[in-house]
Amino acid sequence: MYLLGIDVGTSSIKVAVVETATQKCMATAQYPDEETAIKSVRNGWAEQSPAEWWENVQQAILKVNAKADFDPKEIRAIGIAYQMHGLVVVDKAQQVLRDSIIWCDSRAVEIGADAFEAIGREKSLSHLLNSPGNFTASKLAWVKENEPEVFGQIDKIMLPGDFIAMKLTGSITTSIPALSEGIFWDFQNDKISSDLMKYYGFEESLIPEVKPLFSSHGKLLDETAALLGLAAGIPVSYKSGDQPNNALSLNVFKPGEVAATAGTSGVIYGVSDQLTYDQESRVNTFAHVTYTKEKKHTGVLLCINGTGSMYRWAKHNFAPNASYPELNALAATSPIGSKGLKVIPFGNGAERMLNNKYTGGQLLGIDLNIHQQADIFRAVQEGIAFSFRYGLDILRENGMQPKVIRAGRANLFLSEVFAQTFVDVTGIPVELYENDGSVGAALGAGIGAGIFNSAEDAFTQHQVIKTLTPKNTEQYETVYQEWKEILIKLL
């Protein structure tokens, strides 16, 4: 018996097939091979085509089926992880009305700021646990204000994972964690926020049916099953934003446990049993995958837009023909501090942890006589690690004191320079695991379909593959404070 996990990323779609008995990943596939483009017709805008996501999902599933040592007809459930905060809008015929406004789009910052003041700062924070900010609800308000002809045709709004589930099953559903990440959920009253809906002038009929996160969100359509070589009628039994799902894939369920990821964006995500919030909304609190009205587990999320996206930009512009492993090895030849070169990596839209300010990416202190490619790529990785430290200090201000951080051995954590810099500058050990988002989505599907008796049963084979401990904390503290001084001046 097998489970299928789909991870709808910003750069590509990744899928995994997991055997239920052993929790072993049988095969993975990614599509497309090149990174999916982000459409940016104006500064600060970021959109992608939902139709392109769906095409890529289909191709990724066919690709994994073609190379795997298993029978795809033995897959019993499907789980979906997805890039958070995106807006997909469809009409009554389930036709997409416009491209998705995705997570790193900044156009709705002022709309959200106005809502924050109008609803009331204290009421927003205590009920929504966040400012409406630049999240899904504010993006929908932008459509209402600027594209009234589109808004008038909307039957349902969705997040990216909801859209893929709709294409698989024909059903449109949501969950409390999904509504919370869109800033639609009132945590104090355990319902959709009437304050936000009234302020923005949204009808509640726009919101899909609310179902438990771990439950059936529809069954695979006959024609889609035939197209993909899967058994008809199997459930989509799990849908989660990528960061709560990343925490799930690392077995981070209990209050006090913390996960990190450094993909296109960078995230530190900690679980709490308190309805906590940051007074400045620099970090955000959402319902965790285990949230229920009885057990209010939340995920406190620090997001950095410019992580893998910054590294990708540097690769494409300074060494387009080199592979990422080659660049990681090259960076390791430069000393700690990159010979004084500094990188501010915030070039991918307004950063919430910087109070929604946009500094732009910065490459500072270039000495034409001493700096080489190796120094540039080390400085990029150090700058990204320093941005994690800056955000972690905000989490510490809000009462989170992690003793260890769990991360998947993927993306930037594949680089020894980045991983060790992260540990040294934060002063916190990191445990590396093999699981990734698509594997986590598959295991989540098993929980939702009742194949595993509990979340804990889905991770009985979960093992640490490497633990990194701090080595150069004093040296990096000096370099970090120099970097921070530059950032503060920019802000």
Protein backbone atom coordinates (compact mmCIF):
# COMPACT_ATOMS: atom_id res chain seq x y z
CA MET A 1 0.00 0.00 0.00
CA TYR A 2 1.32 3.44 -0.94
CA LEU A 3 0.67 7.15 -0.45
CA LEU A 4 1.21 9.99 -2.92
CA GLY A 5 2.50 13.39 -1.77
CA ILE A 6 2.40 16.50 -3.97
CA ASP A 7 4.40 19.61 -3.09
CA VAL A 8 3.28 22.65 -5.09
CA GLY A 9 6.38 24.82 -4.82
CA THR A 10 7.17 28.20 -6.30
CA SER A 11 10.01 26.82 -8.42
CA SER A 12 8.56 23.44 -9.39
CA ILE A 13 6.26 20.58 -8.45
CA LYS A 14 7.75 17.68 -6.49
CA VAL A 15 5.94 14.40 -5.84
CA ALA A 16 6.82 11.39 -3.70
CA VAL A 17 5.41 7.90 -3.29
CA VAL A 18 5.75 6.44 0.22
CA GLU A 19 5.18 2.84 1.31
CA THR A 20 2.87 2.79 4.33
CA ALA A 21 4.37 -0.25 6.10
CA THR A 22 7.95 1.05 6.15
CA GLN A 23 7.32 4.81 5.71
CA LYS A 24 10.03 4.56 3.07
CA CYS A 25 10.07 6.87 0.07
CA MET A 26 9.87 4.61 -2.96
CA ALA A 27 10.40 7.30 -5.60
CA THR A 28 10.35 11.04 -6.16
CA ALA A 29 10.06 13.19 -9.25
CA GLN A 30 10.21 16.90 -9.99
CA TYR A 31 8.70 18.83 -12.85
CA PRO A 32 9.72 20.94 -14.66
CA ASP A 33 13.51 20.55 -14.58
CA GLU A 34 13.98 24.29 -14.98
CA GLU A 35 12.56 26.69 -12.40
CA THR A 36 9.02 27.94 -13.00
CA ALA A 37 8.93 31.63 -13.84
CA ILE A 38 7.29 34.24 -11.63
CA LYS A 39 5.41 36.87 -13.62
CA SER A 40 6.21 40.36 -12.39
CA VAL A 41 4.68 43.00 -14.65
CA ARG A 42 5.17 45.68 -12.01
CA ASN A 43 7.71 46.18 -9.26
CA GLY A 44 6.63 44.16 -6.22
CA TRP A 45 4.11 42.03 -8.11
CA ALA A 46 4.40 38.23 -8.35
CA GLU A 47 1.97 35.92 -10.14
CA GLN A 48 1.88 32.36 -11.48
CA SER A 49 -0.59 30.44 -13.62
CA PRO A 50 -2.72 27.84 -11.78
CA ALA A 51 -3.17 26.04 -15.12
CA GLU A 52 0.61 25.69 -15.32
CA TRP A 53 0.70 24.26 -11.78
CA TRP A 54 -1.89 21.67 -12.76
CA GLU A 55 -0.04 20.70 -15.92
CA ASN A 56 3.19 20.35 -13.94
CA VAL A 57 1.47 18.24 -11.26
CA GLN A 58 0.21 15.84 -13.90
CA GLN A 59 3.62 15.59 -15.54
CA ALA A 60 5.34 15.02 -12.19
CA ILE A 61 2.94 12.19 -11.27
CA LEU A 62 3.39 10.51 -14.66
CA LYS A 63 7.16 10.90 -14.28
CA VAL A 64 7.27 9.26 -10.85
CA ASN A 65 4.99 6.44 -11.99
CA ALA A 66 7.22 5.72 -14.99
CA LYS A 67 10.40 5.22 -12.99
CA ALA A 68 9.14 3.59 -9.82
CA ASP A 69 9.24 0.03 -8.52
CA PHE A 70 5.61 0.01 -7.38
CA ASP A 71 2.10 -0.26 -8.80
CA PRO A 72 0.50 3.23 -8.94
CA LYS A 73 -2.91 1.57 -8.62
CA GLU A 74 -1.88 0.60 -5.06
CA ILE A 75 -1.72 4.26 -4.00
CA ARG A 76 -4.49 4.68 -1.42
CA ALA A 77 -4.50 8.41 -0.60
CA ILE A 78 -3.12 11.74 -1.79
CA GLY A 79 -1.71 14.61 0.28
CA ILE A 80 -0.91 18.12 -0.92
CA ALA A 81 1.53 20.71 0.38
CA TYR A 82 1.58 24.10 -1.27
CA GLN A 83 3.14 27.56 -1.33
CA MET A 84 1.26 29.56 1.29
CA HIS A 85 -0.86 32.73 1.03
CA GLY A 86 -1.52 32.61 -2.72
CA LEU A 87 -4.94 33.60 -4.08
CA VAL A 88 -6.78 31.52 -6.70
CA VAL A 89 -10.26 32.63 -7.80
CA VAL A 90 -12.74 30.57 -9.83
CA ASP A 91 -16.25 31.04 -11.19
CA LYS A 92 -19.22 28.70 -10.78
CA ALA A 93 -17.88 26.45 -13.57
CA GLN A 94 -14.56 26.14 -11.63
CA GLN A 95 -12.77 28.17 -14.28
CA VAL A 96 -9.82 30.25 -13.10
CA LEU A 97 -10.55 33.97 -13.53
CA ARG A 98 -6.99 35.36 -13.30
CA ASP A 99 -3.44 34.28 -12.52
CA SER A 100 -2.70 33.57 -8.87
CA ILE A 101 -1.30 36.42 -6.80
CA ILE A 102 1.36 34.45 -4.92
CA TRP A 103 3.00 34.68 -1.51
CA CYS A 104 5.84 37.12 -2.35
CA ASP A 105 3.59 39.66 -4.10
CA SER A 106 3.65 43.02 -2.26
CA ARG A 107 0.79 44.91 -3.90
CA ALA A 108 -1.64 44.55 -0.98
CA VAL A 109 0.66 45.84 1.78
CA GLU A 110 -1.09 49.21 2.12
CA ILE A 111 -4.55 47.62 1.89
CA GLY A 112 -3.67 45.32 4.78
CA ALA A 113 -2.15 48.15 6.79
CA ASP A 114 -5.35 50.18 6.42
CA ALA A 115 -7.42 47.17 7.54
CA PHE A 116 -5.15 46.73 10.56
CA GLU A 117 -5.89 50.28 11.71
CA ALA A 118 -9.60 50.20 10.81
CA ILE A 119 -10.34 46.89 12.57
CA GLY A 120 -8.05 47.95 15.41
CA ARG A 121 -4.50 46.85 16.10
CA GLU A 122 -5.26 45.11 19.39
CA LYS A 123 -8.43 43.45 18.08
CA SER A 124 -6.65 42.22 14.93
CA LEU A 125 -3.75 40.80 16.90
CA SER A 126 -5.84 39.17 19.62
CA HIS A 127 -8.44 37.69 17.24
CA LEU A 128 -6.55 37.13 13.95
CA LEU A 129 -3.14 36.77 15.68
CA ASN A 130 -1.74 38.89 12.83
CA SER A 131 -2.17 42.08 10.94
CA PRO A 132 -4.22 41.44 7.76
CA GLY A 133 -0.95 42.48 6.13
CA ASN A 134 -0.11 41.21 2.69
CA PHE A 135 -1.97 37.91 3.07
CA THR A 136 -4.68 36.23 1.01
CA ALA A 137 -7.60 38.28 2.31
CA SER A 138 -5.83 41.53 1.47
CA LYS A 139 -4.91 40.21 -1.99
CA LEU A 140 -8.61 39.49 -2.57
CA ALA A 141 -9.42 43.03 -1.44
CA TRP A 142 -6.96 44.30 -4.07
CA VAL A 143 -8.84 42.33 -6.76
CA LYS A 144 -12.15 43.75 -5.50
CA GLU A 145 -10.78 47.29 -5.64
CA ASN A 146 -8.81 47.10 -8.89
CA GLU A 147 -10.53 44.37 -10.95
CA PRO A 148 -14.24 44.64 -10.10
CA GLU A 149 -15.23 42.76 -13.26
CA VAL A 150 -13.16 39.78 -12.09
CA PHE A 151 -14.35 40.04 -8.49
CA GLY A 152 -17.99 40.01 -9.60
CA GLN A 153 -17.52 36.61 -11.26
CA ILE A 154 -15.88 34.89 -8.27
CA ASP A 155 -17.74 31.92 -6.87
CA LYS A 156 -15.01 30.55 -4.58
CA ILE A 157 -11.56 31.64 -3.43
CA MET A 158 -8.80 29.12 -2.84
CA LEU A 159 -5.20 28.68 -1.83
CA PRO A 160 -2.89 26.93 -4.33
CA GLY A 161 -3.31 23.49 -2.73
CA ASP A 162 -7.09 23.83 -2.73
CA PHE A 163 -6.94 24.43 -6.48
CA ILE A 164 -4.90 21.27 -7.13
CA ALA A 165 -7.31 19.28 -4.95
CA MET A 166 -10.22 20.73 -6.95
CA LYS A 167 -8.60 19.60 -10.21
CA LEU A 168 -8.08 16.10 -8.80
CA THR A 169 -11.52 15.68 -7.22
CA GLY A 170 -13.92 18.34 -8.51
CA SER A 171 -14.52 19.40 -4.88
CA ILE A 172 -13.57 22.72 -3.28
CA THR A 173 -12.83 22.68 0.45
CA THR A 174 -10.78 24.53 3.02
CA SER A 175 -9.71 24.04 6.66
CA ILE A 176 -9.10 26.14 9.76
CA PRO A 177 -5.29 26.21 9.20
CA ALA A 178 -5.85 27.32 5.60
CA LEU A 179 -8.27 30.06 6.64
CA SER A 180 -5.84 31.22 9.32
CA GLU A 181 -2.99 31.57 6.81
CA GLY A 182 -5.26 33.73 4.66
CA ILE A 183 -6.09 35.78 7.80
CA PHE A 184 -9.77 34.89 7.65
CA TRP A 185 -9.97 33.03 11.00
CA ASP A 186 -11.06 34.52 14.33
CA PHE A 187 -9.19 32.46 16.97
CA GLN A 188 -11.09 33.90 19.91
CA ASN A 189 -14.54 33.09 18.51
CA ASP A 190 -13.48 29.98 16.51
CA LYS A 191 -15.14 31.10 13.30
CA ILE A 192 -14.54 33.05 10.12
CA SER A 193 -13.78 36.63 11.14
CA SER A 194 -16.89 38.77 10.78
CA ASP A 195 -14.78 41.88 11.40
CA LEU A 196 -12.51 41.21 8.45
CA MET A 197 -15.29 40.06 6.12
CA LYS A 198 -17.37 43.13 6.94
CA TYR A 199 -14.47 45.57 6.55
CA TYR A 200 -13.46 44.18 3.16
CA GLY A 201 -17.06 43.70 2.00
CA PHE A 202 -16.72 39.95 1.35
CA GLU A 203 -19.67 37.55 1.36
CA GLU A 204 -19.05 34.39 3.36
CA SER A 205 -20.29 32.37 0.37
CA LEU A 206 -16.86 33.01 -1.21
CA ILE A 207 -15.31 30.69 1.39
CA PRO A 208 -15.35 26.97 0.52
CA GLU A 209 -16.73 24.28 2.82
CA VAL A 210 -14.60 24.08 5.98
CA LYS A 211 -13.40 20.53 6.73
CA PRO A 212 -10.87 19.05 9.18
CA LEU A 213 -7.37 19.24 7.73
CA PHE A 214 -6.89 15.49 8.17
CA SER A 215 -10.01 14.27 6.36
CA SER A 216 -11.36 13.55 2.89
CA HIS A 217 -11.34 16.69 0.75
CA GLY A 218 -12.83 14.84 -2.20
CA LYS A 219 -12.23 11.67 -4.21
CA LEU A 220 -10.16 11.27 -7.34
CA LEU A 221 -12.27 11.71 -10.46
CA ASP A 222 -12.56 8.72 -12.81
CA GLU A 223 -11.20 10.56 -15.85
CA THR A 224 -8.30 12.06 -13.89
CA ALA A 225 -7.43 8.69 -12.39
CA ALA A 226 -7.34 7.13 -15.86
CA LEU A 227 -5.13 9.93 -17.15
CA LEU A 228 -2.65 9.58 -14.27
CA GLY A 229 -2.68 5.79 -13.95
CA LEU A 230 -4.15 5.91 -10.43
CA ALA A 231 -7.13 4.16 -8.85
CA ALA A 232 -10.36 6.13 -9.11
CA GLY A 233 -12.04 7.23 -5.89
CA ILE A 234 -8.99 7.48 -3.64
CA PRO A 235 -9.22 10.49 -1.30
CA VAL A 236 -7.25 13.69 -1.11
CA SER A 237 -7.01 13.36 2.66
CA TYR A 238 -4.54 16.12 3.59
CA LYS A 239 -3.85 19.69 2.47
CA SER A 240 -1.40 22.00 4.19
CA GLY A 241 0.66 25.09 3.54
CA ASP A 242 4.28 24.26 2.86
CA GLN A 243 5.69 25.48 6.16
CA PRO A 244 3.28 23.68 8.53
CA ASN A 245 3.76 20.68 6.24
CA ASN A 246 7.54 21.02 6.49
CA ALA A 247 7.14 20.94 10.27
CA LEU A 248 4.97 17.82 9.96
CA SER A 249 7.56 16.15 7.71
CA LEU A 250 10.14 16.75 10.46
CA ASN A 251 7.83 15.31 13.15
CA VAL A 252 7.35 18.76 14.71
CA PHE A 253 3.97 18.46 16.40
CA LYS A 254 4.49 19.35 20.06
CA PRO A 255 4.70 22.81 21.67
CA GLY A 256 8.31 23.94 21.86
CA GLU A 257 9.47 21.99 18.80
CA VAL A 258 10.98 24.04 15.96
CA ALA A 259 11.62 23.42 12.26
CA ALA A 260 13.53 25.40 9.63
CA THR A 261 13.61 25.38 5.86
CA ALA A 262 15.72 27.29 3.35
CA GLY A 263 14.13 26.85 -0.06
CA THR A 264 12.95 29.69 -2.30
CA SER A 265 11.98 31.42 0.93
CA GLY A 266 13.42 30.78 4.37
CA VAL A 267 11.36 29.90 7.42
CA ILE A 268 11.72 29.16 11.10
CA TYR A 269 8.51 27.58 12.38
CA GLY A 270 7.81 26.78 16.03
CA VAL A 271 4.79 25.08 17.60
CA SER A 272 3.03 26.72 20.54
CA ASP A 273 0.02 25.89 22.68
CA GLN A 274 -0.68 29.59 23.25
CA LEU A 275 -2.56 32.11 21.06
CA THR A 276 0.55 34.27 20.85
CA TYR A 277 1.26 37.14 18.48
CA ASP A 278 3.97 39.68 17.77
CA GLN A 279 2.88 43.24 18.56
CA GLU A 280 4.50 44.45 15.32
CA SER A 281 3.31 41.46 13.26
CA ARG A 282 6.88 40.81 12.10
CA VAL A 283 6.38 37.11 12.68
CA ASN A 284 3.03 35.44 12.17
CA THR A 285 0.92 32.89 13.97
CA PHE A 286 -1.29 30.40 12.16
CA ALA A 287 -3.21 27.31 13.14
CA HIS A 288 -0.86 24.32 13.07
CA VAL A 289 -1.85 21.09 11.31
CA THR A 290 -2.83 19.65 14.71
CA TYR A 291 -5.01 22.64 15.65
CA THR A 292 -8.47 21.84 16.99
CA LYS A 293 -10.94 23.95 18.94
CA GLU A 294 -10.04 21.85 21.99
CA LYS A 295 -6.26 21.75 21.48
CA LYS A 296 -5.21 25.10 20.04
CA HIS A 297 -1.78 24.31 18.68
CA THR A 298 -0.43 27.20 16.64
CA GLY A 299 2.60 27.61 14.43
CA VAL A 300 4.69 30.75 14.90
CA LEU A 301 6.26 31.48 11.54
CA LEU A 302 9.19 33.67 10.63
CA CYS A 303 9.42 34.08 6.85
CA ILE A 304 12.32 35.49 4.80
CA ASN A 305 11.49 36.02 1.13
CA GLY A 306 15.06 36.36 -0.09
CA THR A 307 16.82 33.05 0.65
CA GLY A 308 17.00 30.47 -2.13
CA SER A 309 15.73 33.16 -4.48
CA MET A 310 18.80 35.25 -3.60
CA TYR A 311 21.15 32.30 -4.15
CA ARG A 312 19.46 31.53 -7.47
CA TRP A 313 19.88 35.15 -8.59
CA ALA A 314 23.59 35.07 -7.73
CA LYS A 315 24.05 31.79 -9.60
CA HIS A 316 22.29 33.00 -12.73
CA ASN A 317 24.23 36.26 -12.82
CA PHE A 318 27.70 35.26 -11.62
CA ALA A 319 28.06 31.56 -12.52
CA PRO A 320 25.16 30.42 -14.74
CA ASN A 321 26.94 27.28 -15.95
CA ALA A 322 27.94 25.99 -12.52
CA SER A 323 25.83 23.58 -10.48
CA TYR A 324 24.72 24.38 -6.95
CA PRO A 325 27.05 21.69 -5.47
CA GLU A 326 29.95 23.28 -7.37
CA LEU A 327 29.03 26.70 -5.99
CA ASN A 328 28.77 25.32 -2.45
CA ALA A 329 32.25 23.84 -2.78
CA LEU A 330 33.54 27.13 -4.18
CA ALA A 331 32.03 29.09 -1.28
CA ALA A 332 33.86 26.82 1.17
CA THR A 333 37.21 28.10 -0.16
CA SER A 334 36.45 31.64 1.10
CA PRO A 335 37.10 32.40 4.79
CA ILE A 336 34.52 33.23 7.46
CA GLY A 337 33.31 36.75 6.78
CA SER A 338 33.93 36.52 3.01
CA LYS A 339 36.91 38.92 3.26
CA GLY A 340 34.58 41.73 4.33
CA LEU A 341 32.02 41.31 1.55
CA LYS A 342 28.44 41.68 2.80
CA VAL A 343 25.14 40.64 1.22
CA ILE A 344 21.72 41.91 2.30
CA PRO A 345 19.43 39.28 0.71
CA PHE A 346 16.06 41.08 0.88
CA GLY A 347 15.47 41.53 -2.85
CA ASN A 348 12.28 39.49 -3.23
CA GLY A 349 9.57 41.90 -2.11
CA ALA A 350 8.68 43.54 1.19
CA GLU A 351 9.79 41.54 4.23
CA ARG A 352 7.31 41.07 7.06
CA MET A 353 10.06 40.72 9.67
CA LEU A 354 11.33 44.15 8.53
CA ASN A 355 7.87 45.68 9.14
CA ASN A 356 6.97 45.19 5.46
CA LYS A 357 9.86 47.39 4.33
CA TYR A 358 11.75 46.70 1.11
CA THR A 359 15.51 47.25 1.20
CA GLY A 360 16.30 45.55 -2.08
CA GLY A 361 19.16 43.08 -2.38
CA GLN A 362 22.54 44.62 -1.57
CA LEU A 363 26.11 43.51 -2.37
CA LEU A 364 28.38 45.73 -0.27
CA GLY A 365 32.07 46.30 0.33
CA ILE A 366 33.41 45.03 -2.98
CA ASP A 367 37.19 45.28 -3.22
CA LEU A 368 38.17 44.84 -6.87
CA ASN A 369 41.62 43.67 -5.87
CA ILE A 370 40.74 40.82 -3.52
CA HIS A 371 37.17 39.63 -4.05
CA GLN A 372 36.48 36.67 -6.32
CA GLN A 373 33.54 34.38 -7.14
CA ALA A 374 34.13 32.28 -4.01
CA ASP A 375 33.74 35.35 -1.79
CA ILE A 376 30.50 36.36 -3.51
CA PHE A 377 28.89 32.96 -3.02
CA ARG A 378 30.03 32.66 0.57
CA ALA A 379 28.79 36.19 1.29
CA VAL A 380 25.40 35.29 -0.18
CA GLN A 381 25.12 32.21 2.04
CA GLU A 382 26.32 34.12 5.10
CA GLY A 383 23.88 36.97 4.40
CA ILE A 384 21.01 34.50 4.23
CA ALA A 385 22.12 32.83 7.49
CA PHE A 386 22.38 36.26 9.13
CA SER A 387 18.81 37.05 8.07
CA PHE A 388 17.71 33.88 9.88
CA ARG A 389 19.53 35.06 13.02
CA TYR A 390 17.86 38.47 12.79
CA GLY A 391 14.45 36.81 12.58
CA LEU A 392 15.24 34.27 15.29
CA ASP A 393 15.99 37.14 17.69
CA ILE A 394 12.45 38.41 17.00
CA LEU A 395 11.08 34.97 17.84
CA ARG A 396 13.11 35.02 21.06
CA GLU A 397 11.55 38.39 21.93
CA ASN A 398 8.18 36.65 21.61
CA GLY A 399 9.06 33.88 24.06
CA MET A 400 10.35 31.15 21.76
CA GLN A 401 13.62 29.69 23.03
CA PRO A 402 14.50 26.68 20.88
CA LYS A 403 17.14 24.27 22.16
CA VAL A 404 17.44 22.48 18.82
CA ILE A 405 16.12 23.14 15.31
CA ARG A 406 15.10 20.37 12.89
CA ALA A 407 15.65 20.78 9.16
CA GLY A 408 15.47 18.64 6.04
CA ARG A 409 18.76 17.95 4.28
CA ALA A 410 17.66 19.85 1.18
CA ASN A 411 18.09 23.17 -0.63
CA LEU A 412 20.53 25.47 1.20
CA PHE A 413 20.97 22.96 4.02
CA LEU A 414 22.84 20.83 1.46
CA SER A 415 25.62 23.42 1.66
CA GLU A 416 28.08 22.81 4.51
CA VAL A 417 28.94 26.52 4.52
CA PHE A 418 25.33 27.63 4.93
CA ALA A 419 24.36 24.91 7.43
CA GLN A 420 27.37 25.52 9.69
CA THR A 421 27.02 29.31 9.42
CA PHE A 422 23.35 28.97 10.41
CA VAL A 423 24.33 26.94 13.49
CA ASP A 424 27.26 29.20 14.42
CA VAL A 425 25.43 32.50 14.12
CA THR A 426 22.25 31.32 15.89
CA GLY A 427 24.11 29.28 18.51
CA ILE A 428 21.53 26.49 18.19
CA PRO A 429 22.27 22.89 17.10
CA VAL A 430 20.51 21.65 13.98
CA GLU A 431 19.29 18.09 13.41
CA LEU A 432 19.12 17.15 9.73
CA TYR A 433 16.56 14.66 8.40
CA GLU A 434 15.95 13.10 5.00
CA ASN A 435 12.24 13.84 4.67
CA ASP A 436 11.06 16.67 2.42
CA GLY A 437 7.74 18.40 1.77
CA SER A 438 6.41 15.85 -0.70
CA VAL A 439 7.18 12.96 1.65
CA GLY A 440 5.53 14.87 4.48
CA ALA A 441 2.44 15.42 2.32
CA ALA A 442 2.29 11.67 1.61
CA LEU A 443 2.52 10.81 5.31
CA GLY A 444 -0.11 13.47 6.05
CA ALA A 445 -2.39 11.74 3.56
CA GLY A 446 -1.92 8.50 5.49
CA ILE A 447 -2.94 10.24 8.72
CA GLY A 448 -5.97 11.84 7.09
CA ALA A 449 -7.12 8.60 5.49
CA GLY A 450 -6.85 6.69 8.79
CA ILE A 451 -4.10 4.43 7.45
CA PHE A 452 -1.98 5.52 10.43
CA ASN A 453 -3.68 5.46 13.82
CA SER A 454 -2.11 8.77 14.82
CA ALA A 455 0.40 11.36 13.68
CA GLU A 456 3.03 9.70 15.87
CA ASP A 457 2.47 6.37 14.08
CA ALA A 458 3.37 8.01 10.77
CA PHE A 459 6.89 8.78 12.00
CA THR A 460 8.04 5.63 13.77
CA GLN A 461 10.92 5.31 11.26
CA HIS A 462 11.98 8.97 11.51
CA GLN A 463 15.73 9.17 12.20
CA VAL A 464 18.28 11.98 12.51
CA ILE A 465 20.96 11.62 9.84
CA LYS A 466 23.31 14.34 11.11
CA THR A 467 23.54 16.82 13.98
CA LEU A 468 25.45 20.09 13.60
CA THR A 469 26.71 21.93 16.68
CA PRO A 470 28.10 25.48 17.03
CA LYS A 471 31.85 25.88 16.42
CA ASN A 472 32.64 29.49 15.50
CA THR A 473 30.11 31.49 17.49
CA GLU A 474 32.42 34.27 18.67
CA GLN A 475 33.91 34.88 15.24
CA TYR A 476 30.48 34.90 13.61
CA GLU A 477 28.98 37.15 16.28
CA THR A 478 31.40 39.90 15.26
CA VAL A 479 30.66 39.46 11.55
CA TYR A 480 26.91 39.31 12.21
CA GLN A 481 26.89 42.54 14.22
CA GLU A 482 28.70 44.30 11.34
CA TRP A 483 26.04 42.95 8.94
CA LYS A 484 23.20 43.97 11.26
CA GLU A 485 24.57 47.52 11.54
CA ILE A 486 24.40 47.84 7.75
CA LEU A 487 20.82 46.51 7.71
CA ILE A 488 19.68 48.93 10.41
CA LYS A 489 21.09 51.86 8.43
CA LEU A 490 19.23 50.67 5.31
CA LEU A 491 15.99 50.43 7.28
